[in-house]
PDB file of N, CA and C in Angstrom:
ATOM      1  N   UNK A   1      97.527  84.391 202.651  1.00  0.00           N
ATOM      2  CA  UNK A   1      97.825  83.664 201.419  1.00  0.00           C
ATOM      3  C   UNK A   1      99.319  83.431 201.299  1.00  0.00           C
ATOM      4  N   UNK A   2      99.594  82.350 200.775  1.00  0.00           N
ATOM      5  CA  UNK A   2     100.976  81.920 200.618  1.00  0.00           C
ATOM      6  C   UNK A   2     101.469  82.281 199.215  1.00  0.00           C
ATOM      7  N   UNK A   3     102.509  83.082 199.092  1.00  0.00           N
ATOM      8  CA  UNK A   3     103.090  83.465 197.810  1.00  0.00           C
ATOM      9  C   UNK A   3     104.355  82.657 197.591  1.00  0.00           C
ATOM     10  N   UNK A   4     104.590  82.249 196.316  1.00  0.00           N
ATOM     11  CA  UNK A   4     105.834  81.529 196.053  1.00  0.00           C
ATOM     12  C   UNK A   4     107.014  82.457 196.273  1.00  0.00           C
ATOM     13  N   UNK A   5     108.089  81.871 196.574  1.00  0.00           N
ATOM     14  CA  UNK A   5     109.279  82.686 196.826  1.00  0.00           C
ATOM     15  C   UNK A   5     109.777  83.308 195.525  1.00  0.00           C
ATOM     16  N   UNK A   6     110.608  84.309 195.702  1.00  0.00           N
ATOM     17  CA  UNK A   6     111.157  85.026 194.550  1.00  0.00           C
ATOM     18  C   UNK A   6     111.949  84.073 193.667  1.00  0.00           C
ATOM     19  N   UNK A   7     112.685  83.168 194.225  1.00  0.00           N
ATOM     20  CA  UNK A   7     113.486  82.205 193.479  1.00  0.00           C
ATOM     21  C   UNK A   7     112.588  81.279 192.651  1.00  0.00           C
ATOM     22  N   UNK A   8     111.476  80.816 193.212  1.00  0.00           N
ATOM     23  CA  UNK A   8     110.552  79.940 192.488  1.00  0.00           C
ATOM     24  C   UNK A   8     109.901  80.686 191.323  1.00  0.00           C
ATOM     25  N   UNK A   9     109.521  81.942 191.558  1.00  0.00           N
ATOM     26  CA  UNK A   9     108.900  82.726 190.479  1.00  0.00           C
ATOM     27  C   UNK A   9     109.905  82.999 189.370  1.00  0.00           C
ATOM     28  N   UNK A  10     111.128  83.282 189.721  1.00  0.00           N
ATOM     29  CA  UNK A  10     112.166  83.545 188.731  1.00  0.00           C
ATOM     30  C   UNK A  10     112.451  82.295 187.921  1.00  0.00           C
ATOM     31  N   UNK A  11     112.549  81.164 188.560  1.00  0.00           N
ATOM     32  CA  UNK A  11     112.837  79.927 187.827  1.00  0.00           C
ATOM     33  C   UNK A  11     111.665  79.560 186.912  1.00  0.00           C
ATOM     34  N   UNK A  12     110.439  79.786 187.367  1.00  0.00           N
ATOM     35  CA  UNK A  12     109.261  79.519 186.528  1.00  0.00           C
ATOM     36  C   UNK A  12     109.265  80.450 185.308  1.00  0.00           C
ATOM     37  N   UNK A  13     109.596  81.711 185.505  1.00  0.00           N
ATOM     38  CA  UNK A  13     109.671  82.687 184.415  1.00  0.00           C
ATOM     39  C   UNK A  13     110.779  82.308 183.434  1.00  0.00           C
ATOM     40  N   UNK A  14     111.925  81.875 183.934  1.00  0.00           N
ATOM     41  CA  UNK A  14     113.030  81.447 183.069  1.00  0.00           C
ATOM     42  C   UNK A  14     112.628  80.225 182.254  1.00  0.00           C
ATOM     43  N   UNK A  15     111.937  79.305 182.859  1.00  0.00           N
ATOM     44  CA  UNK A  15     111.491  78.097 182.153  1.00  0.00           C
ATOM     45  C   UNK A  15     110.516  78.464 181.037  1.00  0.00           C
ATOM     46  N   UNK A  16     109.577  79.351 181.308  1.00  0.00           N
ATOM     47  CA  UNK A  16     108.618  79.798 180.296  1.00  0.00           C
ATOM     48  C   UNK A  16     109.341  80.529 179.159  1.00  0.00           C
ATOM     49  N   UNK A  17     110.297  81.374 179.528  1.00  0.00           N
ATOM     50  CA  UNK A  17     111.068  82.102 178.526  1.00  0.00           C
ATOM     51  C   UNK A  17     111.876  81.138 177.659  1.00  0.00           C
ATOM     52  N   UNK A  18     112.475  80.134 178.260  1.00  0.00           N
ATOM     53  CA  UNK A  18     113.243  79.135 177.505  1.00  0.00           C
ATOM     54  C   UNK A  18     112.344  78.367 176.539  1.00  0.00           C
ATOM     55  N   UNK A  19     111.142  78.010 176.984  1.00  0.00           N
ATOM     56  CA  UNK A  19     110.206  77.308 176.099  1.00  0.00           C
ATOM     57  C   UNK A  19     109.828  78.202 174.910  1.00  0.00           C
ATOM     58  N   UNK A  20     109.554  79.466 175.208  1.00  0.00           N
ATOM     59  CA  UNK A  20     109.201  80.419 174.149  1.00  0.00           C
ATOM     60  C   UNK A  20     110.341  80.571 173.144  1.00  0.00           C
ATOM     61  N   UNK A  21     111.564  80.684 173.651  1.00  0.00           N
ATOM     62  CA  UNK A  21     112.726  80.823 172.770  1.00  0.00           C
ATOM     63  C   UNK A  21     112.908  79.573 171.916  1.00  0.00           C
ATOM     64  N   UNK A  22     112.673  78.400 172.487  1.00  0.00           N
ATOM     65  CA  UNK A  22     112.812  77.143 171.750  1.00  0.00           C
ATOM     66  C   UNK A  22     111.788  77.087 170.609  1.00  0.00           C
ATOM     67  N   UNK A  23     110.535  77.424 170.917  1.00  0.00           N
ATOM     68  CA  UNK A  23     109.485  77.421 169.895  1.00  0.00           C
ATOM     69  C   UNK A  23     109.801  78.450 168.810  1.00  0.00           C
ATOM     70  N   UNK A  24     110.266  79.625 169.198  1.00  0.00           N
ATOM     71  CA  UNK A  24     110.610  80.673 168.230  1.00  0.00           C
ATOM     72  C   UNK A  24     111.747  80.233 167.319  1.00  0.00           C
ATOM     73  N   UNK A  25     112.756  79.582 167.881  1.00  0.00           N
ATOM     74  CA  UNK A  25     113.889  79.116 167.070  1.00  0.00           C
ATOM     75  C   UNK A  25     113.442  78.023 166.101  1.00  0.00           C
ATOM     76  N   UNK A  26     112.557  77.133 166.547  1.00  0.00           N
ATOM     77  CA  UNK A  26     112.037  76.093 165.646  1.00  0.00           C
ATOM     78  C   UNK A  26     111.242  76.721 164.501  1.00  0.00           C
ATOM     79  N   UNK A  27     110.421  77.710 164.832  1.00  0.00           N
ATOM     80  CA  UNK A  27     109.660  78.407 163.784  1.00  0.00           C
ATOM     81  C   UNK A  27     110.596  79.106 162.799  1.00  0.00           C
ATOM     82  N   UNK A  28     111.659  79.715 163.297  1.00  0.00           N
ATOM     83  CA  UNK A  28     112.632  80.394 162.436  1.00  0.00           C
ATOM     84  C   UNK A  28     113.304  79.400 161.495  1.00  0.00           C
ATOM     85  N   UNK A  29     113.690  78.228 162.021  1.00  0.00           N
ATOM     86  CA  UNK A  29     114.329  77.197 161.186  1.00  0.00           C
ATOM     87  C   UNK A  29     113.367  76.699 160.113  1.00  0.00           C
ATOM     88  N   UNK A  30     112.102  76.487 160.497  1.00  0.00           N
ATOM     89  CA  UNK A  30     111.106  76.034 159.519  1.00  0.00           C
ATOM     90  C   UNK A  30     110.884  77.083 158.431  1.00  0.00           C
ATOM     91  N   UNK A  31     110.852  78.342 158.821  1.00  0.00           N
ATOM     92  CA  UNK A  31     110.669  79.425 157.855  1.00  0.00           C
ATOM     93  C   UNK A  31     111.850  79.493 156.891  1.00  0.00           C
ATOM     94  N   UNK A  32     113.060  79.367 157.409  1.00  0.00           N
ATOM     95  CA  UNK A  32     114.250  79.394 156.551  1.00  0.00           C
ATOM     96  C   UNK A  32     114.240  78.222 155.576  1.00  0.00           C
ATOM     97  N   UNK A  33     113.846  77.037 156.047  1.00  0.00           N
ATOM     98  CA  UNK A  33     113.789  75.865 155.164  1.00  0.00           C
ATOM     99  C   UNK A  33     112.742  76.069 154.072  1.00  0.00           C
ATOM    100  N   UNK A  34     111.595  76.640 154.440  1.00  0.00           N
ATOM    101  CA  UNK A  34     110.544  76.895 153.447  1.00  0.00           C
ATOM    102  C   UNK A  34     111.008  77.902 152.408  1.00  0.00           C
ATOM    103  N   UNK A  35     111.718  78.929 152.844  1.00  0.00           N
ATOM    104  CA  UNK A  35     112.230  79.938 151.907  1.00  0.00           C
ATOM    105  C   UNK A  35     113.228  79.305 150.938  1.00  0.00           C
ATOM    106  N   UNK A  36     114.098  78.437 151.436  1.00  0.00           N
ATOM    107  CA  UNK A  36     115.061  77.766 150.549  1.00  0.00           C
ATOM    108  C   UNK A  36     114.335  76.901 149.528  1.00  0.00           C
ATOM    109  N   UNK A  37     113.286  76.179 149.965  1.00  0.00           N
ATOM    110  CA  UNK A  37     112.501  75.364 149.033  1.00  0.00           C
ATOM    111  C   UNK A  37     111.865  76.237 147.950  1.00  0.00           C
ATOM    112  N   UNK A  38     111.318  77.368 148.363  1.00  0.00           N
ATOM    113  CA  UNK A  38     110.703  78.278 147.393  1.00  0.00           C
ATOM    114  C   UNK A  38     111.730  78.834 146.415  1.00  0.00           C
ATOM    115  N   UNK A  39     112.926  79.134 146.891  1.00  0.00           N
ATOM    116  CA  UNK A  39     113.981  79.626 145.997  1.00  0.00           C
ATOM    117  C   UNK A  39     114.325  78.578 144.947  1.00  0.00           C
ATOM    118  N   UNK A  40     114.392  77.319 145.366  1.00  0.00           N
ATOM    119  CA  UNK A  40     114.686  76.237 144.416  1.00  0.00           C
ATOM    120  C   UNK A  40     113.564  76.133 143.384  1.00  0.00           C
ATOM    121  N   UNK A  41     112.315  76.202 143.846  1.00  0.00           N
ATOM    122  CA  UNK A  41     111.183  76.092 142.927  1.00  0.00           C
ATOM    123  C   UNK A  41     111.146  77.255 141.940  1.00  0.00           C
ATOM    124  N   UNK A  42     111.428  78.461 142.409  1.00  0.00           N
ATOM    125  CA  UNK A  42     111.453  79.621 141.509  1.00  0.00           C
ATOM    126  C   UNK A  42     112.566  79.451 140.474  1.00  0.00           C
ATOM    127  N   UNK A  43     113.705  78.931 140.891  1.00  0.00           N
ATOM    128  CA  UNK A  43     114.794  78.672 139.948  1.00  0.00           C
ATOM    129  C   UNK A  43     114.387  77.665 138.888  1.00  0.00           C
ATOM    130  N   UNK A  44     113.680  76.611 139.305  1.00  0.00           N
ATOM    131  CA  UNK A  44     113.215  75.605 138.345  1.00  0.00           C
ATOM    132  C   UNK A  44     112.209  76.209 137.369  1.00  0.00           C
ATOM    133  N   UNK A  45     111.303  77.034 137.874  1.00  0.00           N
ATOM    134  CA  UNK A  45     110.330  77.691 136.994  1.00  0.00           C
ATOM    135  C   UNK A  45     111.023  78.616 135.998  1.00  0.00           C
ATOM    136  N   UNK A  46     112.033  79.326 136.452  1.00  0.00           N
ATOM    137  CA  UNK A  46     112.768  80.225 135.555  1.00  0.00           C
ATOM    138  C   UNK A  46     113.427  79.436 134.426  1.00  0.00           C
ATOM    139  N   UNK A  47     113.993  78.282 134.764  1.00  0.00           N
ATOM    140  CA  UNK A  47     114.608  77.444 133.722  1.00  0.00           C
ATOM    141  C   UNK A  47     113.563  76.946 132.738  1.00  0.00           C
ATOM    142  N   UNK A  48     112.400  76.525 133.243  1.00  0.00           N
ATOM    143  CA  UNK A  48     111.342  76.044 132.356  1.00  0.00           C
ATOM    144  C   UNK A  48     110.854  77.153 131.431  1.00  0.00           C
ATOM    145  N   UNK A  49     110.691  78.350 131.966  1.00  0.00           N
ATOM    146  CA  UNK A  49     110.256  79.469 131.129  1.00  0.00           C
ATOM    147  C   UNK A  49     111.292  79.802 130.063  1.00  0.00           C
ATOM    148  N   UNK A  50     112.553  79.728 130.429  1.00  0.00           N
ATOM    149  CA  UNK A  50     113.611  80.002 129.452  1.00  0.00           C
ATOM    150  C   UNK A  50     113.568  78.976 128.329  1.00  0.00           C
ATOM    151  N   UNK A  51     113.319  77.722 128.668  1.00  0.00           N
ATOM    152  CA  UNK A  51     113.236  76.675 127.646  1.00  0.00           C
ATOM    153  C   UNK A  51     111.980  76.825 126.803  1.00  0.00           C
ATOM    154  N   UNK A  52     110.880  77.246 127.410  1.00  0.00           N
ATOM    155  CA  UNK A  52     109.632  77.413 126.663  1.00  0.00           C
ATOM    156  C   UNK A  52     109.746  78.535 125.648  1.00  0.00           C
ATOM    157  N   UNK A  53     110.434  79.607 125.991  1.00  0.00           N
ATOM    158  CA  UNK A  53     110.525  80.741 125.078  1.00  0.00           C
ATOM    159  C   UNK A  53     111.320  80.396 123.824  1.00  0.00           C
ATOM    160  N   UNK A  54     112.036  79.304 123.856  1.00  0.00           N
ATOM    161  CA  UNK A  54     112.777  78.869 122.670  1.00  0.00           C
ATOM    162  C   UNK A  54     111.904  78.015 121.764  1.00  0.00           C
ATOM    163  N   UNK A  55     110.651  77.768 122.160  1.00  0.00           N
ATOM    164  CA  UNK A  55     109.735  76.910 121.430  1.00  0.00           C
ATOM    165  C   UNK A  55     109.168  77.573 120.193  1.00  0.00           C
ATOM    166  N   UNK A  56     108.141  76.955 119.597  1.00  0.00           N
ATOM    167  CA  UNK A  56     107.588  77.438 118.334  1.00  0.00           C
ATOM    168  C   UNK A  56     106.849  78.770 118.442  1.00  0.00           C
ATOM    169  N   UNK A  57     106.416  79.157 119.629  1.00  0.00           N
ATOM    170  CA  UNK A  57     105.685  80.407 119.774  1.00  0.00           C
ATOM    171  C   UNK A  57     106.480  81.420 120.574  1.00  0.00           C
ATOM    172  N   UNK A  58     107.738  81.485 120.337  1.00  0.00           N
ATOM    173  CA  UNK A  58     108.590  82.393 121.097  1.00  0.00           C
ATOM    174  C   UNK A  58     108.385  83.831 120.638  1.00  0.00           C
ATOM    175  N   UNK A  59     108.892  84.744 121.432  1.00  0.00           N
ATOM    176  CA  UNK A  59     108.779  86.160 121.090  1.00  0.00           C
ATOM    177  C   UNK A  59     109.738  86.533 119.966  1.00  0.00           C
ATOM    178  N   UNK A  60     110.753  85.717 119.738  1.00  0.00           N
ATOM    179  CA  UNK A  60     111.697  85.973 118.651  1.00  0.00           C
ATOM    180  C   UNK A  60     111.105  85.416 117.366  1.00  0.00           C
ATOM    181  N   UNK A  61     110.672  86.300 116.483  1.00  0.00           N
ATOM    182  CA  UNK A  61     110.045  85.843 115.248  1.00  0.00           C
ATOM    183  C   UNK A  61     111.115  85.423 114.251  1.00  0.00           C
ATOM    184  N   UNK A  62     110.757  84.481 113.425  1.00  0.00           N
ATOM    185  CA  UNK A  62     111.666  83.993 112.387  1.00  0.00           C
ATOM    186  C   UNK A  62     110.982  84.191 111.043  1.00  0.00           C
ATOM    187  N   UNK A  63     111.756  84.546 110.027  1.00  0.00           N
ATOM    188  CA  UNK A  63     111.173  84.731 108.709  1.00  0.00           C
ATOM    189  C   UNK A  63     110.915  83.381 108.075  1.00  0.00           C
ATOM    190  N   UNK A  64     109.872  83.318 107.279  1.00  0.00           N
ATOM    191  CA  UNK A  64     109.540  82.108 106.549  1.00  0.00           C
ATOM    192  C   UNK A  64     110.521  81.994 105.384  1.00  0.00           C
ATOM    193  N   UNK A  65     111.296  80.925 105.323  1.00  0.00           N
ATOM    194  CA  UNK A  65     112.294  80.834 104.255  1.00  0.00           C
ATOM    195  C   UNK A  65     111.682  80.650 102.873  1.00  0.00           C
ATOM    196  N   UNK A  66     110.434  80.189 102.782  1.00  0.00           N
ATOM    197  CA  UNK A  66     109.829  79.930 101.482  1.00  0.00           C
ATOM    198  C   UNK A  66     109.244  81.190 100.854  1.00  0.00           C
ATOM    199  N   UNK A  67     108.532  81.970 101.651  1.00  0.00           N
ATOM    200  CA  UNK A  67     107.852  83.139 101.114  1.00  0.00           C
ATOM    201  C   UNK A  67     107.947  84.287 102.104  1.00  0.00           C
ATOM    202  N   UNK A  68     107.846  85.486 101.575  1.00  0.00           N
ATOM    203  CA  UNK A  68     107.801  86.666 102.427  1.00  0.00           C
ATOM    204  C   UNK A  68     106.520  87.417 102.110  1.00  0.00           C
ATOM    205  N   UNK A  69     105.868  87.887 103.126  1.00  0.00           N
ATOM    206  CA  UNK A  69     104.668  88.699 102.924  1.00  0.00           C
ATOM    207  C   UNK A  69     105.131  90.101 102.550  1.00  0.00           C
ATOM    208  N   UNK A  70     104.858  90.499 101.332  1.00  0.00           N
ATOM    209  CA  UNK A  70     105.318  91.805 100.889  1.00  0.00           C
ATOM    210  C   UNK A  70     104.170  92.777 100.670  1.00  0.00           C
ATOM    211  N   UNK A  71     102.943  92.286 100.715  1.00  0.00           N
ATOM    212  CA  UNK A  71     101.801  93.161 100.507  1.00  0.00           C
ATOM    213  C   UNK A  71     100.586  92.565 101.191  1.00  0.00           C
ATOM    214  N   UNK A  72      99.658  93.430 101.517  1.00  0.00           N
ATOM    215  CA  UNK A  72      98.397  93.005 102.105  1.00  0.00           C
ATOM    216  C   UNK A  72      97.274  93.485 101.207  1.00  0.00           C
ATOM    217  N   UNK A  73      96.249  92.670 101.040  1.00  0.00           N
ATOM    218  CA  UNK A  73      95.091  93.055 100.255  1.00  0.00           C
ATOM    219  C   UNK A  73      93.913  93.211 101.196  1.00  0.00           C
ATOM    220  N   UNK A  74      93.299  94.377 101.184  1.00  0.00           N
ATOM    221  CA  UNK A  74      92.154  94.618 102.055  1.00  0.00           C
ATOM    222  C   UNK A  74      90.910  93.980 101.458  1.00  0.00           C
ATOM    223  N   UNK A  75      89.823  93.978 102.211  1.00  0.00           N
ATOM    224  CA  UNK A  75      88.571  93.391 101.720  1.00  0.00           C
ATOM    225  C   UNK A  75      88.064  94.110 100.484  1.00  0.00           C
ATOM    226  N   UNK A  76      88.354  95.381 100.389  1.00  0.00           N
ATOM    227  CA  UNK A  76      87.887  96.147  99.231  1.00  0.00           C
ATOM    228  C   UNK A  76      88.753  95.904  97.997  1.00  0.00           C
ATOM    229  N   UNK A  77      89.837  95.158  98.141  1.00  0.00           N
ATOM    230  CA  UNK A  77      90.699  94.864  97.008  1.00  0.00           C
ATOM    231  C   UNK A  77      91.904  95.772  96.908  1.00  0.00           C
ATOM    232  N   UNK A  78      92.029  96.731  97.820  1.00  0.00           N
ATOM    233  CA  UNK A  78      93.166  97.648  97.798  1.00  0.00           C
ATOM    234  C   UNK A  78      94.415  96.917  98.288  1.00  0.00           C
ATOM    235  N   UNK A  79      95.512  97.062  97.557  1.00  0.00           N
ATOM    236  CA  UNK A  79      96.760  96.403  97.914  1.00  0.00           C
ATOM    237  C   UNK A  79      97.645  97.397  98.645  1.00  0.00           C
ATOM    238  N   UNK A  80      98.104  96.996  99.827  1.00  0.00           N
ATOM    239  CA  UNK A  80      98.956  97.855 100.640  1.00  0.00           C
ATOM    240  C   UNK A  80     100.312  97.186 100.759  1.00  0.00           C
ATOM    241  N   UNK A  81     101.378  97.878 100.393  1.00  0.00           N
ATOM    242  CA  UNK A  81     102.717  97.316 100.495  1.00  0.00           C
ATOM    243  C   UNK A  81     103.669  98.112  99.639  1.00  0.00           C
ATOM    244  N   UNK A  82     104.944  97.964  99.905  1.00  0.00           N
ATOM    245  CA  UNK A  82     105.929  98.716  99.138  1.00  0.00           C
ATOM    246  C   UNK A  82     106.427  97.886  97.966  1.00  0.00           C
ATOM    247  N   UNK A  83     106.626  98.539  96.842  1.00  0.00           N
ATOM    248  CA  UNK A  83     107.171  97.906  95.635  1.00  0.00           C
ATOM    249  C   UNK A  83     106.342  96.720  95.170  1.00  0.00           C
ATOM    250  N   UNK A  84     105.049  96.773  95.378  1.00  0.00           N
ATOM    251  CA  UNK A  84     104.200  95.670  94.944  1.00  0.00           C
ATOM    252  C   UNK A  84     103.091  96.250  94.089  1.00  0.00           C
ATOM    253  N   UNK A  85     102.900  95.668  92.900  1.00  0.00           N
ATOM    254  CA  UNK A  85     101.818  96.110  92.040  1.00  0.00           C
ATOM    255  C   UNK A  85     100.543  95.364  92.365  1.00  0.00           C
ATOM    256  N   UNK A  86      99.466  95.781  91.739  1.00  0.00           N
ATOM    257  CA  UNK A  86      98.186  95.114  91.943  1.00  0.00           C
ATOM    258  C   UNK A  86      98.257  93.761  91.258  1.00  0.00           C
ATOM    259  N   UNK A  87      97.822  92.737  91.925  1.00  0.00           N
ATOM    260  CA  UNK A  87      97.894  91.395  91.345  1.00  0.00           C
ATOM    261  C   UNK A  87      96.906  91.266  90.192  1.00  0.00           C
ATOM    262  N   UNK A  88      97.126  90.256  89.358  1.00  0.00           N
ATOM    263  CA  UNK A  88      96.251  90.036  88.213  1.00  0.00           C
ATOM    264  C   UNK A  88      94.824  89.757  88.660  1.00  0.00           C
ATOM    265  N   UNK A  89      94.691  89.054  89.735  1.00  0.00           N
ATOM    266  CA  UNK A  89      93.363  88.721  90.242  1.00  0.00           C
ATOM    267  C   UNK A  89      92.600  89.995  90.594  1.00  0.00           C
ATOM    268  N   UNK A  90      93.284  90.916  91.263  1.00  0.00           N
ATOM    269  CA  UNK A  90      92.644  92.181  91.623  1.00  0.00           C
ATOM    270  C   UNK A  90      92.331  93.007  90.383  1.00  0.00           C
ATOM    271  N   UNK A  91      93.239  92.972  89.393  1.00  0.00           N
ATOM    272  CA  UNK A  91      92.999  93.717  88.156  1.00  0.00           C
ATOM    273  C   UNK A  91      91.772  93.170  87.436  1.00  0.00           C
ATOM    274  N   UNK A  92      91.661  91.843  87.356  1.00  0.00           N
ATOM    275  CA  UNK A  92      90.508  91.229  86.694  1.00  0.00           C
ATOM    276  C   UNK A  92      89.223  91.594  87.419  1.00  0.00           C
ATOM    277  N   UNK A  93      89.275  91.569  88.738  1.00  0.00           N
ATOM    278  CA  UNK A  93      88.095  91.903  89.536  1.00  0.00           C
ATOM    279  C   UNK A  93      87.692  93.353  89.293  1.00  0.00           C
ATOM    280  N   UNK A  94      88.676  94.246  89.309  1.00  0.00           N
ATOM    281  CA  UNK A  94      88.388  95.662  89.084  1.00  0.00           C
ATOM    282  C   UNK A  94      87.854  95.890  87.669  1.00  0.00           C
ATOM    283  N   UNK A  95      88.453  95.187  86.677  1.00  0.00           N
ATOM    284  CA  UNK A  95      88.002  95.335  85.296  1.00  0.00           C
ATOM    285  C   UNK A  95      86.568  94.848  85.137  1.00  0.00           C
ATOM    286  N   UNK A  96      86.248  93.716  85.760  1.00  0.00           N
ATOM    287  CA  UNK A  96      84.885  93.201  85.623  1.00  0.00           C
ATOM    288  C   UNK A  96      83.892  94.127  86.318  1.00  0.00           C
ATOM    289  N   UNK A  97      84.268  94.687  87.458  1.00  0.00           N
ATOM    290  CA  UNK A  97      83.387  95.635  88.145  1.00  0.00           C
ATOM    291  C   UNK A  97      83.208  96.901  87.304  1.00  0.00           C
ATOM    292  N   UNK A  98      84.287  97.352  86.687  1.00  0.00           N
ATOM    293  CA  UNK A  98      84.224  98.541  85.839  1.00  0.00           C
ATOM    294  C   UNK A  98      83.311  98.288  84.640  1.00  0.00           C
ATOM    295  N   UNK A  99      83.423  97.105  84.022  1.00  0.00           N
ATOM    296  CA  UNK A  99      82.561  96.764  82.885  1.00  0.00           C
ATOM    297  C   UNK A  99      81.099  96.746  83.308  1.00  0.00           C
ATOM    298  N   UNK A 100      80.828  96.172  84.493  1.00  0.00           N
ATOM    299  CA  UNK A 100      79.446  96.134  84.974  1.00  0.00           C
ATOM    300  C   UNK A 100      78.887  97.542  85.154  1.00  0.00           C
ATOM    301  N   UNK A 101      79.688  98.427  85.707  1.00  0.00           N
ATOM    302  CA  UNK A 101      79.246  99.807  85.917  1.00  0.00           C
ATOM    303  C   UNK A 101      79.014 100.491  84.572  1.00  0.00           C
ATOM    304  N   UNK A 102      79.936 100.289  83.631  1.00  0.00           N
ATOM    305  CA  UNK A 102      79.779 100.906  82.316  1.00  0.00           C
ATOM    306  C   UNK A 102      78.531 100.375  81.618  1.00  0.00           C
ATOM    307  N   UNK A 103      78.292  99.068  81.705  1.00  0.00           N
ATOM    308  CA  UNK A 103      77.097  98.492  81.089  1.00  0.00           C
ATOM    309  C   UNK A 103      75.833  99.057  81.726  1.00  0.00           C
ATOM    310  N   UNK A 104      75.855  99.226  83.027  1.00  0.00           N
ATOM    311  CA  UNK A 104      74.708  99.774  83.738  1.00  0.00           C
ATOM    312  C   UNK A 104      74.445 101.213  83.291  1.00  0.00           C
ATOM    313  N   UNK A 105      75.529 101.980  83.121  1.00  0.00           N
ATOM    314  CA  UNK A 105      75.392 103.370  82.666  1.00  0.00           C
ATOM    315  C   UNK A 105      74.819 103.400  81.255  1.00  0.00           C
ATOM    316  N   UNK A 106      75.359 102.554  80.371  1.00  0.00           N
ATOM    317  CA  UNK A 106      74.865 102.510  78.994  1.00  0.00           C
ATOM    318  C   UNK A 106      73.398 102.100  78.956  1.00  0.00           C
ATOM    319  N   UNK A 107      73.037 101.150  79.785  1.00  0.00           N
ATOM    320  CA  UNK A 107      71.657 100.686  79.844  1.00  0.00           C
ATOM    321  C   UNK A 107      70.744 101.826  80.286  1.00  0.00           C
ATOM    322  N   UNK A 108      71.169 102.534  81.322  1.00  0.00           N
ATOM    323  CA  UNK A 108      70.369 103.661  81.817  1.00  0.00           C
ATOM    324  C   UNK A 108      70.276 104.781  80.785  1.00  0.00           C
ATOM    325  N   UNK A 109      71.378 105.043  80.087  1.00  0.00           N
ATOM    326  CA  UNK A 109      71.359 106.087  79.058  1.00  0.00           C
ATOM    327  C   UNK A 109      70.420 105.696  77.923  1.00  0.00           C
ATOM    328  N   UNK A 110      70.445 104.413  77.564  1.00  0.00           N
ATOM    329  CA  UNK A 110      69.548 103.930  76.504  1.00  0.00           C
ATOM    330  C   UNK A 110      68.097 104.080  76.908  1.00  0.00           C
ATOM    331  N   UNK A 111      67.774 103.777  78.139  1.00  0.00           N
ATOM    332  CA  UNK A 111      66.397 103.925  78.613  1.00  0.00           C
ATOM    333  C   UNK A 111      66.002 105.399  78.665  1.00  0.00           C
ATOM    334  N   UNK A 112      66.946 106.248  79.072  1.00  0.00           N
ATOM    335  CA  UNK A 112      66.660 107.686  79.114  1.00  0.00           C
ATOM    336  C   UNK A 112      66.394 108.232  77.711  1.00  0.00           C
ATOM    337  N   UNK A 113      67.178 107.750  76.734  1.00  0.00           N
ATOM    338  CA  UNK A 113      66.982 108.197  75.357  1.00  0.00           C
ATOM    339  C   UNK A 113      65.611 107.759  74.849  1.00  0.00           C
ATOM    340  N   UNK A 114      65.181 106.543  75.176  1.00  0.00           N
ATOM    341  CA  UNK A 114      63.873 106.053  74.746  1.00  0.00           C
ATOM    342  C   UNK A 114      62.772 106.913  75.355  1.00  0.00           C
ATOM    343  N   UNK A 115      62.955 107.262  76.625  1.00  0.00           N
ATOM    344  CA  UNK A 115      61.939 108.068  77.306  1.00  0.00           C
ATOM    345  C   UNK A 115      61.878 109.482  76.725  1.00  0.00           C
ATOM    346  N   UNK A 116      63.017 110.026  76.303  1.00  0.00           N
ATOM    347  CA  UNK A 116      63.040 111.369  75.741  1.00  0.00           C
ATOM    348  C   UNK A 116      62.365 111.399  74.373  1.00  0.00           C
ATOM    349  N   UNK A 117      62.485 110.316  73.619  1.00  0.00           N
ATOM    350  CA  UNK A 117      61.905 110.256  72.288  1.00  0.00           C
ATOM    351  C   UNK A 117      60.386 110.185  72.357  1.00  0.00           C
ATOM    352  N   UNK A 118      59.800 109.722  73.403  1.00  0.00           N
ATOM    353  CA  UNK A 118      58.351 109.570  73.488  1.00  0.00           C
ATOM    354  C   UNK A 118      57.661 110.853  73.714  1.00  0.00           C
TER     355      UNK A 118
END
């Protein structure tokens, strides 16, 4: 069998190595370009997010210049808050409920008295 000479094998190996190095360098350049593009895009996104946070739903809350919430009323009518009294509406509601309870008690007492007399 005929084997190529040492010089031919070396030159073939050098040529293959050069091709590999060329492809590797091209891949490296493409990767660097892609990374730079991504850096630009991330910078643009950061600017957009910074501008969005200044919008109407930002994390920085602003007080309402017209009114301030100073108390909360629960479903049961209990008012929670500092330096705030019970509103007239809640007082009227409580008074009407109290009257209903008192009337119910009086009604029951009247029926009990009638039953005791029999």
